[in-house]
C-alpha cells in the first residue's frame, strides 16, 4: 500500500531527480509540474520527468500497489483497464516508491543495478482494501501494478491499452 496524496505516487531515483531539479530543471518554464501535461492527465495517467514517474491514481488515499522487476517484458495483465509504458533512468541504483508528501526513507527503497529501465504501469480494477483506506474518499479502486525491466535503448511513452476517459470517478 502506498499513500497517494493528491492522487499520485512516485517511482523515483530521488537523489538523481533532486539533483536535476536543483540544477535548473525545476525552473524550466516549459516543464509541467511533476510532468502533468494535458495528455498526461487525460490519456497517459502518468507524469514523466527526469529520473521520476508520477503515477496518477483514481483516489487520494492508500492504494494497493505491486512491484516486479523482470529481466525482459512479461505478458500484459489481461484484467488491466489501462496500461502505459515509459522509460526511467535510475543512475544511483536506488528506486523509491512513495507518496508525494512522504519522506522517501529506506522502507520505500528498492536497490537494483543502475541504468535505464522500461516501466509498465497497469491499472487493474479492484475491491476496496481490507485495511487502511478511507471509504469516504471519492474515486474508483484500482491495483497499480508496476513492472520494470532493463531497457538498453531509449523508447518513448506508449499507452498500450487506453482506459475510459474520464476514468477517476
N, C-alpha and C. Protein backbone atom coordinates (compact mmCIF):
# COMPACT_ATOMS: atom_id res chain seq x y z
N UNK A 1 0.85 -1.17 0.00
CA UNK A 1 0.00 0.00 0.00
C UNK A 1 0.90 1.24 0.00
N UNK A 2 0.51 2.20 -0.80
CA UNK A 2 1.19 3.49 -0.88
C UNK A 2 0.14 4.56 -0.63
N UNK A 3 0.53 5.62 0.08
CA UNK A 3 -0.41 6.72 0.26
C UNK A 3 -0.29 7.65 -0.94
N UNK A 4 -1.34 7.71 -1.74
CA UNK A 4 -1.37 8.53 -2.96
C UNK A 4 -1.99 9.87 -2.65
N UNK A 5 -1.23 10.73 -1.97
CA UNK A 5 -1.72 12.07 -1.66
C UNK A 5 -1.81 12.86 -2.96
N UNK A 6 -2.82 13.69 -3.08
CA UNK A 6 -3.08 14.46 -4.31
C UNK A 6 -3.22 13.54 -5.53
N UNK A 7 -3.70 12.33 -5.31
CA UNK A 7 -3.98 11.41 -6.41
C UNK A 7 -2.76 10.97 -7.19
N UNK A 8 -1.62 10.76 -6.50
CA UNK A 8 -0.43 10.29 -7.20
C UNK A 8 0.58 9.70 -6.22
N UNK A 9 1.45 8.85 -6.77
CA UNK A 9 2.63 8.40 -6.05
C UNK A 9 3.78 8.36 -7.04
N UNK A 10 5.00 8.27 -6.51
CA UNK A 10 6.20 8.39 -7.34
C UNK A 10 6.97 7.08 -7.44
N UNK A 11 7.55 6.87 -8.61
CA UNK A 11 8.62 5.90 -8.86
C UNK A 11 9.80 6.79 -9.20
N UNK A 12 10.84 6.79 -8.35
CA UNK A 12 11.81 7.87 -8.49
C UNK A 12 13.19 7.47 -7.98
N UNK A 13 14.21 7.89 -8.74
CA UNK A 13 15.57 7.92 -8.22
C UNK A 13 15.67 9.28 -7.54
N UNK A 14 15.42 9.31 -6.24
CA UNK A 14 15.27 10.57 -5.50
C UNK A 14 16.50 11.45 -5.63
N UNK A 15 17.68 10.88 -5.42
CA UNK A 15 18.91 11.67 -5.48
C UNK A 15 19.12 12.28 -6.86
N UNK A 16 18.98 11.49 -7.92
CA UNK A 16 19.18 11.99 -9.28
C UNK A 16 18.10 13.01 -9.66
N UNK A 17 16.86 12.77 -9.27
CA UNK A 17 15.76 13.70 -9.57
C UNK A 17 15.99 15.04 -8.86
N UNK A 18 16.33 14.97 -7.57
CA UNK A 18 16.59 16.21 -6.82
C UNK A 18 17.74 16.99 -7.43
N UNK A 19 18.79 16.30 -7.82
CA UNK A 19 19.94 16.98 -8.44
C UNK A 19 19.52 17.66 -9.75
N UNK A 20 18.72 16.99 -10.55
CA UNK A 20 18.23 17.57 -11.81
C UNK A 20 17.39 18.82 -11.55
N UNK A 21 16.53 18.76 -10.55
CA UNK A 21 15.67 19.91 -10.24
C UNK A 21 16.50 21.07 -9.70
N UNK A 22 17.52 20.79 -8.88
CA UNK A 22 18.37 21.85 -8.35
C UNK A 22 19.26 22.48 -9.42
N UNK A 23 19.59 21.71 -10.46
CA UNK A 23 20.48 22.23 -11.50
C UNK A 23 19.75 23.05 -12.56
N UNK A 24 18.50 23.35 -12.33
CA UNK A 24 17.77 24.21 -13.25
C UNK A 24 16.55 23.59 -13.88
N UNK A 25 16.38 22.28 -13.76
CA UNK A 25 15.22 21.62 -14.35
C UNK A 25 13.91 22.11 -13.79
N UNK A 26 13.90 22.48 -12.52
CA UNK A 26 12.67 22.95 -11.89
C UNK A 26 12.28 24.34 -12.38
N UNK A 27 13.24 25.09 -12.90
CA UNK A 27 12.96 26.46 -13.34
C UNK A 27 12.57 26.55 -14.82
N UNK A 28 12.55 25.42 -15.52
CA UNK A 28 12.20 25.41 -16.93
C UNK A 28 10.74 25.82 -17.10
N UNK A 29 10.47 26.94 -17.77
CA UNK A 29 9.08 27.40 -17.89
C UNK A 29 8.20 26.48 -18.73
N UNK A 30 8.79 25.60 -19.55
CA UNK A 30 8.01 24.67 -20.35
C UNK A 30 7.74 23.35 -19.64
N UNK A 31 8.27 23.18 -18.45
CA UNK A 31 8.13 21.95 -17.70
C UNK A 31 6.82 21.98 -16.91
N UNK A 32 5.97 21.01 -17.16
CA UNK A 32 4.73 20.90 -16.39
C UNK A 32 5.06 20.37 -15.00
N UNK A 33 4.37 20.84 -13.95
CA UNK A 33 4.63 20.33 -12.60
C UNK A 33 4.46 18.82 -12.54
N UNK A 34 5.50 18.15 -12.05
CA UNK A 34 5.52 16.68 -11.93
C UNK A 34 5.19 15.99 -13.25
N UNK A 35 5.45 16.66 -14.37
CA UNK A 35 5.20 16.04 -15.66
C UNK A 35 3.74 15.96 -16.04
N UNK A 36 2.86 16.68 -15.33
CA UNK A 36 1.43 16.57 -15.57
C UNK A 36 0.97 17.50 -16.69
N UNK A 37 1.27 17.10 -17.91
CA UNK A 37 0.76 17.79 -19.08
C UNK A 37 -0.71 17.43 -19.28
N UNK A 38 -1.37 18.09 -20.21
CA UNK A 38 -2.77 17.77 -20.52
C UNK A 38 -2.90 16.30 -20.91
N UNK A 39 -2.04 15.82 -21.81
CA UNK A 39 -2.10 14.41 -22.22
C UNK A 39 -1.80 13.47 -21.07
N UNK A 40 -0.87 13.86 -20.19
CA UNK A 40 -0.54 13.02 -19.04
C UNK A 40 -1.77 12.83 -18.15
N UNK A 41 -2.50 13.88 -17.92
CA UNK A 41 -3.68 13.82 -17.05
C UNK A 41 -4.80 13.01 -17.70
N UNK A 42 -5.09 13.27 -18.96
CA UNK A 42 -6.28 12.69 -19.59
C UNK A 42 -6.04 11.42 -20.39
N UNK A 43 -4.81 11.17 -20.82
CA UNK A 43 -4.55 9.98 -21.63
C UNK A 43 -3.58 9.01 -20.97
N UNK A 44 -2.40 9.50 -20.59
CA UNK A 44 -1.35 8.62 -20.09
C UNK A 44 -1.60 8.13 -18.67
N UNK A 45 -2.09 9.04 -17.81
CA UNK A 45 -2.28 8.80 -16.38
C UNK A 45 -0.97 8.73 -15.62
N UNK A 46 0.15 9.03 -16.29
CA UNK A 46 1.43 9.15 -15.60
C UNK A 46 2.09 10.45 -16.04
N UNK A 47 2.86 11.04 -15.14
CA UNK A 47 3.65 12.23 -15.45
C UNK A 47 5.12 11.82 -15.46
N UNK A 48 5.84 12.16 -16.52
CA UNK A 48 7.23 11.74 -16.66
C UNK A 48 8.15 12.95 -16.55
N UNK A 49 9.15 12.84 -15.69
CA UNK A 49 10.20 13.84 -15.51
C UNK A 49 11.53 13.10 -15.49
N UNK A 50 12.64 13.83 -15.50
CA UNK A 50 13.93 13.15 -15.39
C UNK A 50 14.02 12.34 -14.09
N UNK A 51 14.30 11.06 -14.22
CA UNK A 51 14.51 10.15 -13.09
C UNK A 51 13.27 9.98 -12.23
N UNK A 52 12.08 10.23 -12.78
CA UNK A 52 10.86 10.16 -11.99
C UNK A 52 9.64 9.90 -12.86
N UNK A 53 8.76 9.06 -12.36
CA UNK A 53 7.44 8.87 -12.96
C UNK A 53 6.42 9.06 -11.84
N UNK A 54 5.46 9.94 -12.05
CA UNK A 54 4.34 10.14 -11.14
C UNK A 54 3.19 9.31 -11.66
N UNK A 55 2.69 8.41 -10.84
CA UNK A 55 1.58 7.54 -11.23
C UNK A 55 0.30 8.18 -10.72
N UNK A 56 -0.58 8.59 -11.64
CA UNK A 56 -1.87 9.15 -11.27
C UNK A 56 -2.78 8.07 -10.75
N UNK A 57 -3.48 8.36 -9.66
CA UNK A 57 -4.39 7.39 -9.07
C UNK A 57 -5.82 7.94 -9.07
N UNK A 58 -6.77 7.06 -8.99
CA UNK A 58 -8.18 7.45 -9.00
C UNK A 58 -8.64 7.96 -7.64
N UNK A 59 -7.80 7.78 -6.62
CA UNK A 59 -8.15 8.19 -5.26
C UNK A 59 -6.95 8.87 -4.60
N UNK A 60 -7.22 9.81 -3.71
CA UNK A 60 -6.19 10.37 -2.83
C UNK A 60 -6.33 9.63 -1.50
N UNK A 61 -5.68 8.48 -1.43
CA UNK A 61 -5.90 7.56 -0.33
C UNK A 61 -4.77 6.52 -0.37
N UNK A 62 -4.79 5.58 0.55
CA UNK A 62 -3.91 4.43 0.44
C UNK A 62 -4.39 3.62 -0.76
N UNK A 63 -3.45 3.26 -1.64
CA UNK A 63 -3.81 2.50 -2.83
C UNK A 63 -2.98 1.23 -2.88
N UNK A 64 -3.60 0.18 -3.36
CA UNK A 64 -2.92 -1.10 -3.49
C UNK A 64 -1.93 -1.03 -4.65
N UNK A 65 -0.69 -1.43 -4.38
CA UNK A 65 0.36 -1.41 -5.40
C UNK A 65 1.12 -2.72 -5.36
N UNK A 66 1.71 -3.06 -6.50
CA UNK A 66 2.64 -4.18 -6.54
C UNK A 66 3.82 -3.77 -7.42
N UNK A 67 4.97 -4.36 -7.16
CA UNK A 67 6.18 -4.05 -7.92
C UNK A 67 6.87 -5.36 -8.27
N UNK A 68 7.26 -5.47 -9.56
CA UNK A 68 8.02 -6.64 -10.01
C UNK A 68 9.13 -6.18 -10.93
N UNK A 69 10.33 -6.71 -10.70
CA UNK A 69 11.47 -6.46 -11.56
C UNK A 69 11.70 -7.71 -12.39
N UNK A 70 11.74 -7.55 -13.72
CA UNK A 70 11.91 -8.67 -14.64
C UNK A 70 13.20 -8.48 -15.44
N UNK A 71 13.65 -9.56 -16.05
CA UNK A 71 14.80 -9.49 -16.97
C UNK A 71 14.38 -8.98 -18.34
N UNK A 72 13.11 -9.20 -18.69
CA UNK A 72 12.58 -8.81 -20.00
C UNK A 72 11.08 -8.54 -19.82
N UNK A 73 10.44 -7.93 -20.84
CA UNK A 73 8.99 -7.68 -20.70
C UNK A 73 8.23 -8.97 -20.43
N UNK A 74 7.20 -8.88 -19.61
CA UNK A 74 6.33 -10.01 -19.33
C UNK A 74 5.01 -9.78 -20.07
N UNK A 75 4.17 -10.80 -20.14
CA UNK A 75 2.87 -10.60 -20.80
C UNK A 75 2.05 -9.53 -20.07
N UNK A 76 1.25 -8.82 -20.83
CA UNK A 76 0.38 -7.79 -20.24
C UNK A 76 -0.70 -8.45 -19.40
N UNK A 77 -1.12 -7.76 -18.35
CA UNK A 77 -2.18 -8.28 -17.50
C UNK A 77 -3.52 -8.16 -18.23
N UNK A 78 -4.19 -9.26 -18.50
CA UNK A 78 -5.44 -9.18 -19.28
C UNK A 78 -6.55 -8.44 -18.56
N UNK A 79 -6.54 -8.41 -17.23
CA UNK A 79 -7.60 -7.75 -16.47
C UNK A 79 -7.38 -6.24 -16.33
N UNK A 80 -6.23 -5.73 -16.80
CA UNK A 80 -5.93 -4.30 -16.67
C UNK A 80 -6.84 -3.48 -17.57
N UNK A 81 -7.36 -2.40 -17.01
CA UNK A 81 -8.21 -1.48 -17.77
C UNK A 81 -7.37 -0.49 -18.56
N UNK A 82 -6.20 -0.16 -18.04
CA UNK A 82 -5.33 0.83 -18.67
C UNK A 82 -3.89 0.37 -18.45
N UNK A 83 -3.05 0.47 -19.49
CA UNK A 83 -1.64 0.09 -19.39
C UNK A 83 -0.81 1.14 -20.11
N UNK A 84 0.23 1.61 -19.45
CA UNK A 84 1.11 2.62 -20.04
C UNK A 84 2.56 2.24 -19.73
N UNK A 85 3.46 2.54 -20.68
CA UNK A 85 4.89 2.26 -20.50
C UNK A 85 5.70 3.51 -20.79
N UNK A 86 6.81 3.66 -20.04
CA UNK A 86 7.75 4.77 -20.25
C UNK A 86 9.11 4.34 -19.71
N UNK A 87 10.15 5.05 -20.14
CA UNK A 87 11.50 4.80 -19.65
C UNK A 87 11.74 5.56 -18.36
N UNK A 88 12.63 5.00 -17.53
CA UNK A 88 13.03 5.64 -16.29
C UNK A 88 14.52 5.37 -16.08
N UNK A 89 15.29 6.44 -16.01
CA UNK A 89 16.72 6.33 -15.72
C UNK A 89 16.91 6.30 -14.21
N UNK A 90 17.68 5.32 -13.74
CA UNK A 90 17.97 5.19 -12.31
C UNK A 90 19.50 5.12 -12.17
N UNK A 91 20.18 6.27 -12.23
CA UNK A 91 21.64 6.25 -12.21
C UNK A 91 22.26 5.86 -10.87
N UNK A 92 21.54 6.02 -9.75
CA UNK A 92 22.12 5.67 -8.45
C UNK A 92 21.85 4.22 -8.06
N UNK A 93 20.94 3.54 -8.76
CA UNK A 93 20.57 2.18 -8.40
C UNK A 93 19.60 2.10 -7.23
N UNK A 94 19.01 3.24 -6.84
CA UNK A 94 18.05 3.27 -5.73
C UNK A 94 16.72 3.81 -6.24
N UNK A 95 15.74 2.93 -6.38
CA UNK A 95 14.40 3.32 -6.79
C UNK A 95 13.55 3.46 -5.54
N UNK A 96 12.87 4.59 -5.39
CA UNK A 96 11.94 4.79 -4.28
C UNK A 96 10.52 4.81 -4.83
N UNK A 97 9.64 4.14 -4.10
CA UNK A 97 8.22 4.12 -4.44
C UNK A 97 7.52 4.74 -3.23
N UNK A 98 6.99 5.97 -3.42
CA UNK A 98 6.49 6.71 -2.27
C UNK A 98 5.45 7.73 -2.68
N UNK A 99 4.64 8.16 -1.70
CA UNK A 99 3.68 9.22 -1.92
C UNK A 99 4.36 10.56 -1.99
N UNK A 100 3.69 11.54 -2.57
CA UNK A 100 4.34 12.83 -2.83
C UNK A 100 4.66 13.62 -1.57
N UNK A 101 4.03 13.35 -0.44
CA UNK A 101 4.37 14.06 0.79
C UNK A 101 5.06 13.16 1.80
N UNK A 102 5.47 11.96 1.37
CA UNK A 102 6.22 11.08 2.25
C UNK A 102 7.70 11.37 2.11
N UNK A 103 8.42 11.21 3.20
CA UNK A 103 9.87 11.28 3.15
C UNK A 103 10.35 9.92 2.65
N UNK A 104 10.94 9.86 1.46
CA UNK A 104 11.30 8.56 0.89
C UNK A 104 12.47 7.90 1.63
N UNK A 105 12.15 7.23 2.71
CA UNK A 105 13.17 6.58 3.52
C UNK A 105 13.50 5.19 3.01
N UNK A 106 14.35 4.47 3.77
CA UNK A 106 14.79 3.14 3.34
C UNK A 106 13.65 2.15 3.14
N UNK A 107 12.55 2.33 3.87
CA UNK A 107 11.42 1.41 3.72
C UNK A 107 10.72 1.54 2.37
N UNK A 108 11.00 2.62 1.63
CA UNK A 108 10.40 2.84 0.31
C UNK A 108 11.35 2.45 -0.83
N UNK A 109 12.56 2.03 -0.50
CA UNK A 109 13.63 1.87 -1.49
C UNK A 109 13.75 0.43 -1.98
N UNK A 110 13.99 0.33 -3.29
CA UNK A 110 14.33 -0.94 -3.93
C UNK A 110 15.70 -0.71 -4.58
N UNK A 111 16.69 -1.52 -4.18
CA UNK A 111 18.02 -1.40 -4.78
C UNK A 111 18.11 -2.31 -5.99
N UNK A 112 18.63 -1.77 -7.08
CA UNK A 112 18.76 -2.52 -8.32
C UNK A 112 19.95 -1.96 -9.11
N UNK A 113 20.41 -2.67 -10.11
CA UNK A 113 21.55 -2.15 -10.88
C UNK A 113 21.20 -0.80 -11.53
N UNK A 114 22.14 0.13 -11.47
CA UNK A 114 21.94 1.44 -12.09
C UNK A 114 21.73 1.27 -13.59
N UNK A 115 20.90 2.14 -14.17
CA UNK A 115 20.68 2.09 -15.61
C UNK A 115 19.31 2.58 -16.02
N UNK A 116 19.00 2.33 -17.30
CA UNK A 116 17.69 2.69 -17.86
C UNK A 116 16.78 1.48 -17.76
N UNK A 117 15.54 1.75 -17.37
CA UNK A 117 14.54 0.70 -17.26
C UNK A 117 13.28 1.11 -18.03
N UNK A 118 12.59 0.11 -18.49
CA UNK A 118 11.26 0.31 -19.05
C UNK A 118 10.29 0.02 -17.92
N UNK A 119 9.35 0.92 -17.71
CA UNK A 119 8.36 0.78 -16.64
C UNK A 119 6.99 0.61 -17.27
N UNK A 120 6.28 -0.41 -16.82
CA UNK A 120 4.89 -0.61 -17.25
C UNK A 120 4.00 -0.45 -16.02
N UNK A 121 3.01 0.43 -16.13
CA UNK A 121 2.04 0.61 -15.05
C UNK A 121 0.69 0.12 -15.58
N UNK A 122 0.14 -0.86 -14.88
CA UNK A 122 -1.17 -1.42 -15.24
C UNK A 122 -2.18 -1.05 -14.17
N UNK A 123 -3.32 -0.56 -14.60
CA UNK A 123 -4.41 -0.15 -13.73
C UNK A 123 -5.45 -1.27 -13.74
N UNK A 124 -5.50 -2.03 -12.66
CA UNK A 124 -6.38 -3.19 -12.57
C UNK A 124 -7.52 -2.86 -11.60
N UNK A 125 -8.78 -2.85 -12.08
CA UNK A 125 -9.90 -2.59 -11.17
C UNK A 125 -9.87 -3.57 -9.99
N UNK A 126 -10.20 -3.07 -8.80
CA UNK A 126 -10.15 -3.93 -7.62
C UNK A 126 -11.25 -3.54 -6.63
N UNK A 127 -11.35 -4.33 -5.59
CA UNK A 127 -12.26 -4.04 -4.49
C UNK A 127 -11.55 -3.13 -3.50
N UNK A 128 -12.29 -2.50 -2.59
CA UNK A 128 -11.64 -1.69 -1.56
C UNK A 128 -10.67 -2.55 -0.73
N UNK A 129 -9.56 -1.97 -0.30
CA UNK A 129 -8.63 -2.74 0.53
C UNK A 129 -9.26 -3.08 1.87
N UNK A 130 -8.79 -4.18 2.47
CA UNK A 130 -9.34 -4.60 3.76
C UNK A 130 -8.89 -3.70 4.90
N UNK A 131 -7.74 -3.06 4.74
CA UNK A 131 -7.20 -2.21 5.81
C UNK A 131 -6.78 -0.86 5.25
N UNK A 132 -6.53 0.05 6.13
CA UNK A 132 -6.00 1.39 5.83
C UNK A 132 -7.02 2.31 5.18
N UNK A 133 -7.32 2.21 3.91
CA UNK A 133 -8.07 3.18 3.14
C UNK A 133 -9.23 3.88 3.84
N UNK A 134 -9.62 4.99 3.26
CA UNK A 134 -10.73 5.80 3.76
C UNK A 134 -11.94 5.55 2.85
N UNK A 135 -12.97 4.86 3.34
CA UNK A 135 -14.13 4.54 2.49
C UNK A 135 -14.91 5.77 2.05
N UNK A 136 -14.71 6.91 2.72
CA UNK A 136 -15.42 8.13 2.35
C UNK A 136 -14.70 8.93 1.27
N UNK A 137 -13.47 8.55 0.93
CA UNK A 137 -12.71 9.23 -0.12
C UNK A 137 -13.31 8.86 -1.47
N UNK A 138 -13.61 9.86 -2.32
CA UNK A 138 -14.19 9.53 -3.63
C UNK A 138 -13.14 8.92 -4.56
N UNK A 139 -13.64 8.16 -5.52
CA UNK A 139 -12.78 7.60 -6.56
C UNK A 139 -12.86 6.09 -6.63
N UNK A 140 -12.57 5.59 -7.81
CA UNK A 140 -12.61 4.15 -8.05
C UNK A 140 -11.40 3.46 -7.42
N UNK A 141 -11.53 2.16 -7.21
CA UNK A 141 -10.44 1.35 -6.64
C UNK A 141 -9.70 0.64 -7.77
N UNK A 142 -8.39 0.77 -7.74
CA UNK A 142 -7.52 0.07 -8.68
C UNK A 142 -6.35 -0.52 -7.91
N UNK A 143 -5.79 -1.57 -8.45
CA UNK A 143 -4.48 -2.07 -8.02
C UNK A 143 -3.51 -1.57 -9.08
N UNK A 144 -2.46 -0.88 -8.65
CA UNK A 144 -1.48 -0.29 -9.55
C UNK A 144 -0.28 -1.24 -9.62
N UNK A 145 -0.18 -1.96 -10.72
CA UNK A 145 0.86 -2.97 -10.90
C UNK A 145 2.01 -2.35 -11.68
N UNK A 146 3.17 -2.26 -11.02
CA UNK A 146 4.35 -1.66 -11.63
C UNK A 146 5.32 -2.79 -11.97
N UNK A 147 5.69 -2.87 -13.24
CA UNK A 147 6.67 -3.85 -13.70
C UNK A 147 7.81 -3.10 -14.37
N UNK A 148 9.04 -3.57 -14.13
CA UNK A 148 10.21 -2.92 -14.73
C UNK A 148 11.15 -3.99 -15.28
N UNK A 149 11.88 -3.60 -16.33
CA UNK A 149 12.92 -4.45 -16.88
C UNK A 149 13.98 -3.55 -17.51
N UNK A 150 15.22 -4.03 -17.61
CA UNK A 150 16.28 -3.22 -18.21
C UNK A 150 15.94 -2.85 -19.65
N UNK A 151 16.28 -1.62 -20.02
CA UNK A 151 16.00 -1.11 -21.38
C UNK A 151 17.29 -0.53 -21.95
N UNK A 152 18.01 -1.29 -22.74
CA UNK A 152 19.28 -0.79 -23.27
C UNK A 152 19.13 0.38 -24.24
N UNK A 153 18.00 0.44 -24.94
CA UNK A 153 17.75 1.53 -25.89
C UNK A 153 16.57 2.37 -25.42
N UNK A 154 16.64 3.70 -25.58
CA UNK A 154 15.51 4.54 -25.16
C UNK A 154 14.28 4.33 -26.04
N UNK A 155 13.13 4.48 -25.42
CA UNK A 155 11.85 4.39 -26.13
C UNK A 155 10.91 5.43 -25.53
N UNK A 156 9.97 5.88 -26.32
CA UNK A 156 9.03 6.90 -25.87
C UNK A 156 7.91 6.33 -25.04
N UNK A 157 7.13 7.22 -24.47
CA UNK A 157 5.95 6.83 -23.71
C UNK A 157 4.93 6.22 -24.66
N UNK A 158 4.32 5.11 -24.23
CA UNK A 158 3.33 4.41 -25.05
C UNK A 158 2.15 4.02 -24.18
N UNK A 159 0.96 4.36 -24.62
CA UNK A 159 -0.25 3.85 -23.98
C UNK A 159 -0.56 2.53 -24.68
N UNK A 160 -0.37 1.44 -23.97
CA UNK A 160 -0.55 0.10 -24.52
C UNK A 160 -2.03 -0.24 -24.61
N UNK A 161 -2.77 0.14 -23.58
CA UNK A 161 -4.23 -0.07 -23.55
C UNK A 161 -4.84 1.18 -22.93
N UNK A 162 -5.71 1.85 -23.68
CA UNK A 162 -6.32 3.09 -23.20
C UNK A 162 -7.61 2.78 -22.44
N UNK A 163 -7.64 3.18 -21.19
CA UNK A 163 -8.85 3.03 -20.38
C UNK A 163 -9.83 4.15 -20.69
N UNK A 164 -11.02 4.09 -20.10
CA UNK A 164 -12.05 5.08 -20.38
C UNK A 164 -11.64 6.48 -19.89
N UNK A 165 -12.24 7.48 -20.50
CA UNK A 165 -12.00 8.86 -20.11
C UNK A 165 -13.36 9.54 -20.01
N UNK A 166 -13.76 10.13 -18.89
CA UNK A 166 -12.97 10.26 -17.66
C UNK A 166 -12.86 8.91 -16.95
N UNK A 167 -11.80 8.78 -16.14
CA UNK A 167 -11.53 7.49 -15.53
C UNK A 167 -11.58 7.52 -14.02
N UNK A 168 -11.35 8.62 -13.38
CA UNK A 168 -11.31 8.66 -11.92
C UNK A 168 -12.59 9.27 -11.40
N UNK A 169 -13.53 8.43 -11.00
CA UNK A 169 -14.78 8.99 -10.56
C UNK A 169 -15.48 8.20 -9.52
